[in-house]
Amino acid sequence: MDRSRLAKFIDQRVGELPLAEPVFLPPTATVRTAVRRMHSGARSCVLAVEEDKLLGIFTERDVLTRCMSADFDWEQPLDPDLLTRNPVTISATTSVGDAIALMQRYNYRTLPVMDDDAVVGLVRLGELLQHFAESFPEEVLNLPPRPHQVVAKREGG
């Protein structure tokens, strides 16, 4: 893999990439509404916003870890116990490498991208991987099915 091309990819600013459009809801919206909006738009999260201020993020993981009890009230609002409050955000000038490092550190798959205290989009790990594969098609497409497999003897005739 060409190191200069890789460095260029890693140093690219996330604001230069196509960002996912976020779904905004007030914190008074019900959990059911949030899940429906996520489902209808094939979104992995919704952002709780009040007076243009990002209060928290509600993700698929939150649904699975916080909402699956038998007596869960789906009509309750997106209160602080359900949201990830004050989520980690990045600026549009953050490099792709730094965004990936943050995702790795916090085990996040989605980061809100901010510009002057306003959310301008979402950067998602899957889309970063897709962008990587599109930037390095020969290297990705030519990977063997099991790169770490060591063949002891030659197969075939």
N, C-alpha and C. Protein backbone atom coordinates (compact mmCIF):
# COMPACT_ATOMS: atom_id res chain seq x y z
N MET A 1 0.85 -1.17 0.00
CA MET A 1 0.00 0.00 0.00
C MET A 1 0.89 1.24 0.00
N ASP A 2 0.58 2.16 -0.86
CA ASP A 2 1.34 3.39 -1.00
C ASP A 2 1.15 4.26 0.25
N ARG A 3 2.23 4.49 0.99
CA ARG A 3 2.15 5.25 2.25
C ARG A 3 1.69 6.68 2.05
N SER A 4 2.07 7.29 0.95
CA SER A 4 1.67 8.68 0.73
C SER A 4 0.16 8.78 0.47
N ARG A 5 -0.37 7.82 -0.28
CA ARG A 5 -1.83 7.80 -0.49
C ARG A 5 -2.56 7.53 0.81
N LEU A 6 -2.02 6.62 1.63
CA LEU A 6 -2.64 6.32 2.92
C LEU A 6 -2.59 7.55 3.84
N ALA A 7 -1.46 8.24 3.85
CA ALA A 7 -1.33 9.45 4.68
C ALA A 7 -2.33 10.52 4.21
N LYS A 8 -2.50 10.64 2.91
CA LYS A 8 -3.46 11.61 2.37
C LYS A 8 -4.88 11.25 2.82
N PHE A 9 -5.21 9.96 2.79
CA PHE A 9 -6.53 9.51 3.24
C PHE A 9 -6.73 9.83 4.72
N ILE A 10 -5.76 9.48 5.55
CA ILE A 10 -5.85 9.66 6.99
C ILE A 10 -5.92 11.14 7.36
N ASP A 11 -5.22 11.99 6.61
CA ASP A 11 -5.18 13.42 6.90
C ASP A 11 -6.38 14.19 6.33
N GLN A 12 -7.18 13.53 5.51
CA GLN A 12 -8.35 14.19 4.92
C GLN A 12 -9.30 14.65 6.02
N ARG A 13 -9.93 15.79 5.84
CA ARG A 13 -10.87 16.35 6.82
C ARG A 13 -12.24 15.71 6.63
N VAL A 14 -12.91 15.40 7.75
CA VAL A 14 -14.23 14.74 7.64
C VAL A 14 -15.24 15.65 6.95
N GLY A 15 -15.05 16.95 7.04
CA GLY A 15 -15.95 17.87 6.36
C GLY A 15 -15.88 17.78 4.85
N GLU A 16 -14.82 17.16 4.32
CA GLU A 16 -14.68 16.97 2.87
C GLU A 16 -15.42 15.73 2.39
N LEU A 17 -15.85 14.89 3.31
CA LEU A 17 -16.55 13.65 2.97
C LEU A 17 -18.05 13.90 2.91
N PRO A 18 -18.79 13.05 2.21
CA PRO A 18 -20.25 13.16 2.28
C PRO A 18 -20.70 12.68 3.67
N LEU A 19 -21.31 13.57 4.42
CA LEU A 19 -21.75 13.25 5.78
C LEU A 19 -23.20 12.79 5.77
N ALA A 20 -23.53 11.89 6.69
CA ALA A 20 -24.91 11.43 6.82
C ALA A 20 -25.75 12.55 7.43
N GLU A 21 -26.98 12.67 6.95
CA GLU A 21 -27.88 13.69 7.47
C GLU A 21 -28.47 13.21 8.80
N PRO A 22 -28.34 14.02 9.85
CA PRO A 22 -28.86 13.59 11.15
C PRO A 22 -30.37 13.76 11.25
N VAL A 23 -30.95 13.00 12.16
CA VAL A 23 -32.37 13.15 12.51
C VAL A 23 -32.40 13.87 13.86
N PHE A 24 -33.09 14.99 13.91
CA PHE A 24 -33.19 15.78 15.14
C PHE A 24 -34.56 15.59 15.77
N LEU A 25 -34.57 15.42 17.08
CA LEU A 25 -35.82 15.34 17.84
C LEU A 25 -35.66 16.16 19.12
N PRO A 26 -36.76 16.73 19.61
CA PRO A 26 -36.67 17.39 20.91
C PRO A 26 -36.60 16.32 22.01
N PRO A 27 -36.03 16.64 23.16
CA PRO A 27 -35.95 15.64 24.24
C PRO A 27 -37.31 15.23 24.78
N THR A 28 -38.35 15.95 24.40
CA THR A 28 -39.70 15.59 24.82
C THR A 28 -40.33 14.52 23.93
N ALA A 29 -39.69 14.21 22.81
CA ALA A 29 -40.20 13.16 21.91
C ALA A 29 -40.17 11.83 22.63
N THR A 30 -41.10 10.96 22.28
CA THR A 30 -41.14 9.66 22.94
C THR A 30 -40.08 8.72 22.36
N VAL A 31 -39.76 7.71 23.13
CA VAL A 31 -38.82 6.70 22.67
C VAL A 31 -39.38 6.01 21.43
N ARG A 32 -40.69 5.75 21.42
CA ARG A 32 -41.32 5.12 20.26
C ARG A 32 -41.11 5.97 19.00
N THR A 33 -41.28 7.28 19.12
CA THR A 33 -41.07 8.18 17.99
C THR A 33 -39.62 8.11 17.51
N ALA A 34 -38.70 8.11 18.44
CA ALA A 34 -37.27 8.05 18.09
C ALA A 34 -36.96 6.77 17.33
N VAL A 35 -37.46 5.65 17.83
CA VAL A 35 -37.19 4.36 17.19
C VAL A 35 -37.84 4.31 15.81
N ARG A 36 -39.05 4.86 15.69
CA ARG A 36 -39.72 4.88 14.37
C ARG A 36 -38.93 5.72 13.38
N ARG A 37 -38.44 6.88 13.82
CA ARG A 37 -37.66 7.73 12.92
C ARG A 37 -36.36 7.05 12.51
N MET A 38 -35.74 6.33 13.45
CA MET A 38 -34.52 5.60 13.12
C MET A 38 -34.84 4.50 12.10
N HIS A 39 -35.92 3.79 12.32
CA HIS A 39 -36.31 2.68 11.44
C HIS A 39 -36.71 3.17 10.05
N SER A 40 -37.52 4.23 10.00
CA SER A 40 -38.03 4.69 8.70
C SER A 40 -36.93 5.24 7.80
N GLY A 41 -35.90 5.81 8.39
CA GLY A 41 -34.83 6.37 7.57
C GLY A 41 -33.58 5.52 7.54
N ALA A 42 -33.67 4.30 8.08
CA ALA A 42 -32.50 3.41 8.18
C ALA A 42 -31.34 4.14 8.84
N ARG A 43 -31.65 4.80 9.95
CA ARG A 43 -30.65 5.58 10.70
C ARG A 43 -30.20 4.80 11.92
N SER A 44 -28.98 5.02 12.32
CA SER A 44 -28.44 4.34 13.49
C SER A 44 -28.64 5.14 14.77
N CYS A 45 -29.10 6.39 14.63
CA CYS A 45 -29.27 7.22 15.83
C CYS A 45 -30.18 8.41 15.52
N VAL A 46 -30.63 9.04 16.60
CA VAL A 46 -31.28 10.34 16.52
C VAL A 46 -30.57 11.26 17.50
N LEU A 47 -30.59 12.55 17.21
CA LEU A 47 -29.96 13.53 18.08
C LEU A 47 -31.04 14.32 18.81
N ALA A 48 -30.91 14.39 20.13
CA ALA A 48 -31.83 15.20 20.93
C ALA A 48 -31.29 16.62 20.96
N VAL A 49 -32.10 17.54 20.42
CA VAL A 49 -31.68 18.93 20.30
C VAL A 49 -32.77 19.82 20.88
N GLU A 50 -32.34 20.82 21.63
CA GLU A 50 -33.28 21.80 22.18
C GLU A 50 -32.68 23.18 21.98
N GLU A 51 -33.43 24.07 21.31
CA GLU A 51 -32.97 25.42 21.00
C GLU A 51 -31.60 25.39 20.31
N ASP A 52 -31.49 24.52 19.31
CA ASP A 52 -30.28 24.37 18.50
C ASP A 52 -29.06 23.90 19.30
N LYS A 53 -29.27 23.38 20.50
CA LYS A 53 -28.17 22.86 21.31
C LYS A 53 -28.27 21.35 21.39
N LEU A 54 -27.18 20.67 21.07
CA LEU A 54 -27.14 19.21 21.11
C LEU A 54 -27.11 18.76 22.57
N LEU A 55 -28.17 18.06 22.99
CA LEU A 55 -28.25 17.58 24.37
C LEU A 55 -27.75 16.15 24.51
N GLY A 56 -27.99 15.33 23.49
CA GLY A 56 -27.59 13.94 23.59
C GLY A 56 -27.85 13.19 22.30
N ILE A 57 -27.44 11.95 22.32
CA ILE A 57 -27.61 11.07 21.17
C ILE A 57 -28.29 9.79 21.67
N PHE A 58 -29.20 9.27 20.87
CA PHE A 58 -29.92 8.03 21.18
C PHE A 58 -29.65 7.08 20.03
N THR A 59 -28.99 5.96 20.32
CA THR A 59 -28.51 5.06 19.28
C THR A 59 -29.21 3.70 19.33
N GLU A 60 -28.95 2.90 18.30
CA GLU A 60 -29.45 1.52 18.28
C GLU A 60 -28.96 0.76 19.51
N ARG A 61 -27.73 1.00 19.89
CA ARG A 61 -27.16 0.34 21.07
C ARG A 61 -27.93 0.73 22.33
N ASP A 62 -28.35 2.00 22.42
CA ASP A 62 -29.15 2.44 23.57
C ASP A 62 -30.48 1.69 23.62
N VAL A 63 -31.08 1.48 22.46
CA VAL A 63 -32.34 0.73 22.41
C VAL A 63 -32.11 -0.67 22.98
N LEU A 64 -31.04 -1.31 22.55
CA LEU A 64 -30.78 -2.69 22.99
C LEU A 64 -30.37 -2.79 24.45
N THR A 65 -29.65 -1.81 24.96
CA THR A 65 -29.15 -1.91 26.33
C THR A 65 -30.03 -1.25 27.37
N ARG A 66 -30.86 -0.29 26.98
CA ARG A 66 -31.63 0.47 27.97
C ARG A 66 -33.14 0.32 27.85
N CYS A 67 -33.60 -0.27 26.77
CA CYS A 67 -35.04 -0.26 26.51
C CYS A 67 -35.67 -1.64 26.39
N MET A 68 -34.97 -2.69 26.66
CA MET A 68 -35.49 -4.01 26.35
C MET A 68 -36.12 -4.75 27.54
N SER A 69 -36.31 -4.09 28.66
CA SER A 69 -36.98 -4.76 29.77
C SER A 69 -38.46 -4.95 29.43
N ALA A 70 -39.08 -5.96 30.03
CA ALA A 70 -40.47 -6.30 29.72
C ALA A 70 -41.43 -5.15 30.06
N ASP A 71 -41.10 -4.38 31.08
CA ASP A 71 -42.01 -3.31 31.51
C ASP A 71 -41.58 -1.93 31.01
N PHE A 72 -40.75 -1.88 29.98
CA PHE A 72 -40.26 -0.60 29.48
C PHE A 72 -41.40 0.22 28.90
N ASP A 73 -41.44 1.51 29.22
CA ASP A 73 -42.48 2.43 28.74
C ASP A 73 -41.99 3.13 27.47
N TRP A 74 -42.47 2.69 26.33
CA TRP A 74 -42.06 3.24 25.04
C TRP A 74 -42.60 4.64 24.81
N GLU A 75 -43.57 5.06 25.63
CA GLU A 75 -44.15 6.40 25.47
C GLU A 75 -43.45 7.45 26.32
N GLN A 76 -42.43 7.06 27.07
CA GLN A 76 -41.70 8.05 27.88
C GLN A 76 -40.82 8.91 26.99
N PRO A 77 -40.51 10.12 27.43
CA PRO A 77 -39.64 11.00 26.63
C PRO A 77 -38.19 10.52 26.66
N LEU A 78 -37.43 11.07 25.76
CA LEU A 78 -35.99 10.77 25.70
C LEU A 78 -35.29 11.50 26.85
N ASP A 79 -35.44 10.97 28.03
CA ASP A 79 -34.86 11.65 29.20
C ASP A 79 -33.37 11.33 29.34
N PRO A 80 -32.69 12.02 30.26
CA PRO A 80 -31.24 11.84 30.41
C PRO A 80 -30.80 10.40 30.69
N ASP A 81 -31.67 9.58 31.28
CA ASP A 81 -31.30 8.20 31.56
C ASP A 81 -31.21 7.36 30.28
N LEU A 82 -31.88 7.78 29.24
CA LEU A 82 -31.88 7.02 27.98
C LEU A 82 -30.88 7.56 26.97
N LEU A 83 -30.62 8.85 27.03
CA LEU A 83 -29.69 9.47 26.08
C LEU A 83 -28.25 9.31 26.54
N THR A 84 -27.36 9.32 25.58
CA THR A 84 -25.96 9.54 25.90
C THR A 84 -25.80 11.04 25.91
N ARG A 85 -25.72 11.61 27.12
CA ARG A 85 -25.66 13.06 27.28
C ARG A 85 -24.30 13.60 26.88
N ASN A 86 -24.29 14.83 26.37
CA ASN A 86 -23.06 15.49 25.96
C ASN A 86 -22.15 14.54 25.17
N PRO A 87 -22.64 14.05 24.04
CA PRO A 87 -21.85 13.07 23.28
C PRO A 87 -20.54 13.66 22.77
N VAL A 88 -19.60 12.78 22.55
CA VAL A 88 -18.34 13.18 21.93
C VAL A 88 -18.67 13.64 20.51
N THR A 89 -18.19 14.81 20.16
CA THR A 89 -18.40 15.35 18.81
C THR A 89 -17.05 15.70 18.20
N ILE A 90 -17.07 15.90 16.91
CA ILE A 90 -15.86 16.34 16.21
C ILE A 90 -16.21 17.54 15.35
N SER A 91 -15.19 18.27 14.97
CA SER A 91 -15.40 19.40 14.09
C SER A 91 -15.24 18.93 12.64
N ALA A 92 -15.73 19.73 11.73
CA ALA A 92 -15.62 19.40 10.31
C ALA A 92 -14.16 19.40 9.85
N THR A 93 -13.28 20.03 10.64
CA THR A 93 -11.85 20.07 10.28
C THR A 93 -11.06 18.91 10.89
N THR A 94 -11.72 18.04 11.64
CA THR A 94 -11.05 16.88 12.23
C THR A 94 -10.62 15.93 11.11
N SER A 95 -9.43 15.38 11.25
CA SER A 95 -8.95 14.45 10.23
C SER A 95 -9.67 13.10 10.34
N VAL A 96 -9.70 12.37 9.25
CA VAL A 96 -10.29 11.03 9.23
C VAL A 96 -9.57 10.14 10.25
N GLY A 97 -8.25 10.26 10.33
CA GLY A 97 -7.49 9.46 11.28
C GLY A 97 -7.88 9.74 12.72
N ASP A 98 -8.07 11.02 13.07
CA ASP A 98 -8.48 11.37 14.43
C ASP A 98 -9.91 10.90 14.72
N ALA A 99 -10.77 10.97 13.71
CA ALA A 99 -12.15 10.50 13.90
C ALA A 99 -12.16 8.99 14.16
N ILE A 100 -11.37 8.25 13.41
CA ILE A 100 -11.29 6.80 13.60
C ILE A 100 -10.71 6.49 14.98
N ALA A 101 -9.70 7.25 15.41
CA ALA A 101 -9.09 7.03 16.74
C ALA A 101 -10.12 7.28 17.85
N LEU A 102 -10.94 8.31 17.72
CA LEU A 102 -11.98 8.57 18.72
C LEU A 102 -13.01 7.45 18.75
N MET A 103 -13.40 7.00 17.57
CA MET A 103 -14.36 5.90 17.50
C MET A 103 -13.79 4.65 18.17
N GLN A 104 -12.53 4.39 17.92
CA GLN A 104 -11.87 3.23 18.52
C GLN A 104 -11.79 3.38 20.04
N ARG A 105 -11.40 4.55 20.50
CA ARG A 105 -11.22 4.78 21.93
C ARG A 105 -12.52 4.61 22.71
N TYR A 106 -13.61 5.16 22.18
CA TYR A 106 -14.89 5.15 22.91
C TYR A 106 -15.84 4.06 22.44
N ASN A 107 -15.41 3.26 21.46
CA ASN A 107 -16.24 2.20 20.91
C ASN A 107 -17.55 2.76 20.31
N TYR A 108 -17.42 3.87 19.58
CA TYR A 108 -18.55 4.50 18.91
C TYR A 108 -18.54 4.12 17.44
N ARG A 109 -19.72 4.11 16.85
CA ARG A 109 -19.82 3.87 15.41
C ARG A 109 -20.26 5.13 14.67
N THR A 110 -20.74 6.12 15.43
CA THR A 110 -21.23 7.36 14.83
C THR A 110 -20.78 8.55 15.68
N LEU A 111 -20.31 9.60 15.00
CA LEU A 111 -19.93 10.84 15.69
C LEU A 111 -20.63 12.02 15.02
N PRO A 112 -21.29 12.89 15.82
CA PRO A 112 -21.82 14.12 15.25
C PRO A 112 -20.68 15.05 14.84
N VAL A 113 -20.84 15.68 13.69
CA VAL A 113 -19.86 16.63 13.18
C VAL A 113 -20.42 18.03 13.38
N MET A 114 -19.63 18.87 14.06
CA MET A 114 -20.08 20.21 14.43
C MET A 114 -19.35 21.27 13.61
N ASP A 115 -20.04 22.37 13.40
CA ASP A 115 -19.45 23.55 12.79
C ASP A 115 -20.09 24.75 13.46
N ASP A 116 -19.31 25.50 14.22
CA ASP A 116 -19.83 26.65 14.98
C ASP A 116 -21.01 26.27 15.86
N ASP A 117 -20.86 25.27 16.68
CA ASP A 117 -21.86 24.81 17.65
C ASP A 117 -23.14 24.27 17.01
N ALA A 118 -23.12 23.99 15.73
CA ALA A 118 -24.29 23.42 15.06
C ALA A 118 -23.88 22.08 14.43
N VAL A 119 -24.76 21.10 14.53
CA VAL A 119 -24.50 19.80 13.92
C VAL A 119 -24.70 19.93 12.42
N VAL A 120 -23.66 19.57 11.66
CA VAL A 120 -23.75 19.66 10.20
C VAL A 120 -23.86 18.29 9.54
N GLY A 121 -23.70 17.23 10.33
CA GLY A 121 -23.82 15.90 9.78
C GLY A 121 -23.29 14.87 10.76
N LEU A 122 -23.28 13.64 10.29
CA LEU A 122 -22.78 12.52 11.08
C LEU A 122 -21.71 11.79 10.28
N VAL A 123 -20.65 11.40 10.95
CA VAL A 123 -19.66 10.54 10.32
C VAL A 123 -19.83 9.17 10.96
N ARG A 124 -19.95 8.15 10.11
CA ARG A 124 -20.20 6.79 10.61
C ARG A 124 -19.06 5.88 10.18
N LEU A 125 -18.74 4.96 11.06
CA LEU A 125 -17.62 4.06 10.82
C LEU A 125 -17.80 3.27 9.53
N GLY A 126 -18.98 2.75 9.29
CA GLY A 126 -19.22 1.99 8.06
C GLY A 126 -18.97 2.80 6.81
N GLU A 127 -19.34 4.07 6.84
CA GLU A 127 -19.11 4.93 5.68
C GLU A 127 -17.63 5.28 5.53
N LEU A 128 -16.91 5.40 6.66
CA LEU A 128 -15.47 5.62 6.57
C LEU A 128 -14.79 4.40 5.95
N LEU A 129 -15.24 3.20 6.34
CA LEU A 129 -14.67 1.98 5.76
C LEU A 129 -14.99 1.89 4.27
N GLN A 130 -16.21 2.27 3.90
CA GLN A 130 -16.58 2.28 2.48
C GLN A 130 -15.71 3.27 1.71
N HIS A 131 -15.51 4.45 2.28
CA HIS A 131 -14.66 5.46 1.64
C HIS A 131 -13.23 4.93 1.49
N PHE A 132 -12.74 4.23 2.51
CA PHE A 132 -11.40 3.62 2.44
C PHE A 132 -11.34 2.61 1.30
N ALA A 133 -12.34 1.74 1.23
CA ALA A 133 -12.36 0.72 0.17
C ALA A 133 -12.43 1.35 -1.21
N GLU A 134 -13.15 2.45 -1.35
CA GLU A 134 -13.23 3.14 -2.63
C GLU A 134 -11.93 3.86 -2.97
N SER A 135 -11.21 4.30 -1.94
CA SER A 135 -9.94 4.99 -2.17
C SER A 135 -8.80 4.03 -2.50
N PHE A 136 -8.92 2.79 -2.02
CA PHE A 136 -7.88 1.79 -2.22
C PHE A 136 -8.49 0.49 -2.76
N PRO A 137 -9.14 0.55 -3.93
CA PRO A 137 -9.85 -0.64 -4.41
C PRO A 137 -8.94 -1.83 -4.70
N GLU A 138 -7.76 -1.60 -5.27
CA GLU A 138 -6.87 -2.72 -5.59
C GLU A 138 -6.43 -3.45 -4.33
N GLU A 139 -6.07 -2.68 -3.32
CA GLU A 139 -5.58 -3.28 -2.09
C GLU A 139 -6.68 -4.04 -1.36
N VAL A 140 -7.89 -3.49 -1.33
CA VAL A 140 -8.99 -4.12 -0.61
C VAL A 140 -9.53 -5.32 -1.38
N LEU A 141 -9.75 -5.15 -2.67
CA LEU A 141 -10.34 -6.23 -3.46
C LEU A 141 -9.40 -7.40 -3.67
N ASN A 142 -8.10 -7.18 -3.56
CA ASN A 142 -7.14 -8.25 -3.76
C ASN A 142 -6.70 -8.93 -2.47
N LEU A 143 -7.36 -8.62 -1.37
CA LEU A 143 -7.05 -9.32 -0.13
C LEU A 143 -7.51 -10.77 -0.24
N PRO A 144 -6.72 -11.70 0.26
CA PRO A 144 -7.18 -13.08 0.26
C PRO A 144 -8.34 -13.25 1.23
N PRO A 145 -9.16 -14.28 1.06
CA PRO A 145 -10.32 -14.46 1.93
C PRO A 145 -9.94 -14.56 3.42
N ARG A 146 -8.82 -15.18 3.70
CA ARG A 146 -8.33 -15.29 5.08
C ARG A 146 -6.88 -14.84 5.10
N PRO A 147 -6.62 -13.54 5.28
CA PRO A 147 -5.27 -13.02 5.13
C PRO A 147 -4.23 -13.64 6.06
N HIS A 148 -4.63 -14.14 7.21
CA HIS A 148 -3.67 -14.67 8.17
C HIS A 148 -3.47 -16.17 8.06
N GLN A 149 -4.17 -16.79 7.12
CA GLN A 149 -4.03 -18.23 6.96
C GLN A 149 -2.68 -18.57 6.32
N VAL A 150 -2.04 -19.57 6.87
CA VAL A 150 -0.78 -20.05 6.31
C VAL A 150 -1.04 -21.45 5.76
N VAL A 151 -0.79 -21.61 4.46
CA VAL A 151 -1.03 -22.89 3.81
C VAL A 151 0.25 -23.71 3.91
N ALA A 152 0.14 -24.89 4.51
CA ALA A 152 1.32 -25.75 4.73
C ALA A 152 1.79 -26.40 3.43
N LYS A 153 0.83 -26.80 2.59
CA LYS A 153 1.23 -27.40 1.31
C LYS A 153 0.30 -26.90 0.22
N ARG A 154 0.79 -26.93 -0.98
CA ARG A 154 0.07 -26.42 -2.13
C ARG A 154 -1.16 -27.28 -2.41
N GLU A 155 -2.28 -26.59 -2.71
CA GLU A 155 -3.52 -27.31 -3.02
C GLU A 155 -3.62 -27.53 -4.52
N GLY A 156 -4.44 -28.48 -4.92
CA GLY A 156 -4.74 -28.68 -6.33
C GLY A 156 -3.75 -29.59 -7.03
N GLY A 157 -3.87 -29.66 -8.34
CA GLY A 157 -3.10 -30.62 -9.12
C GLY A 157 -1.98 -30.08 -9.82
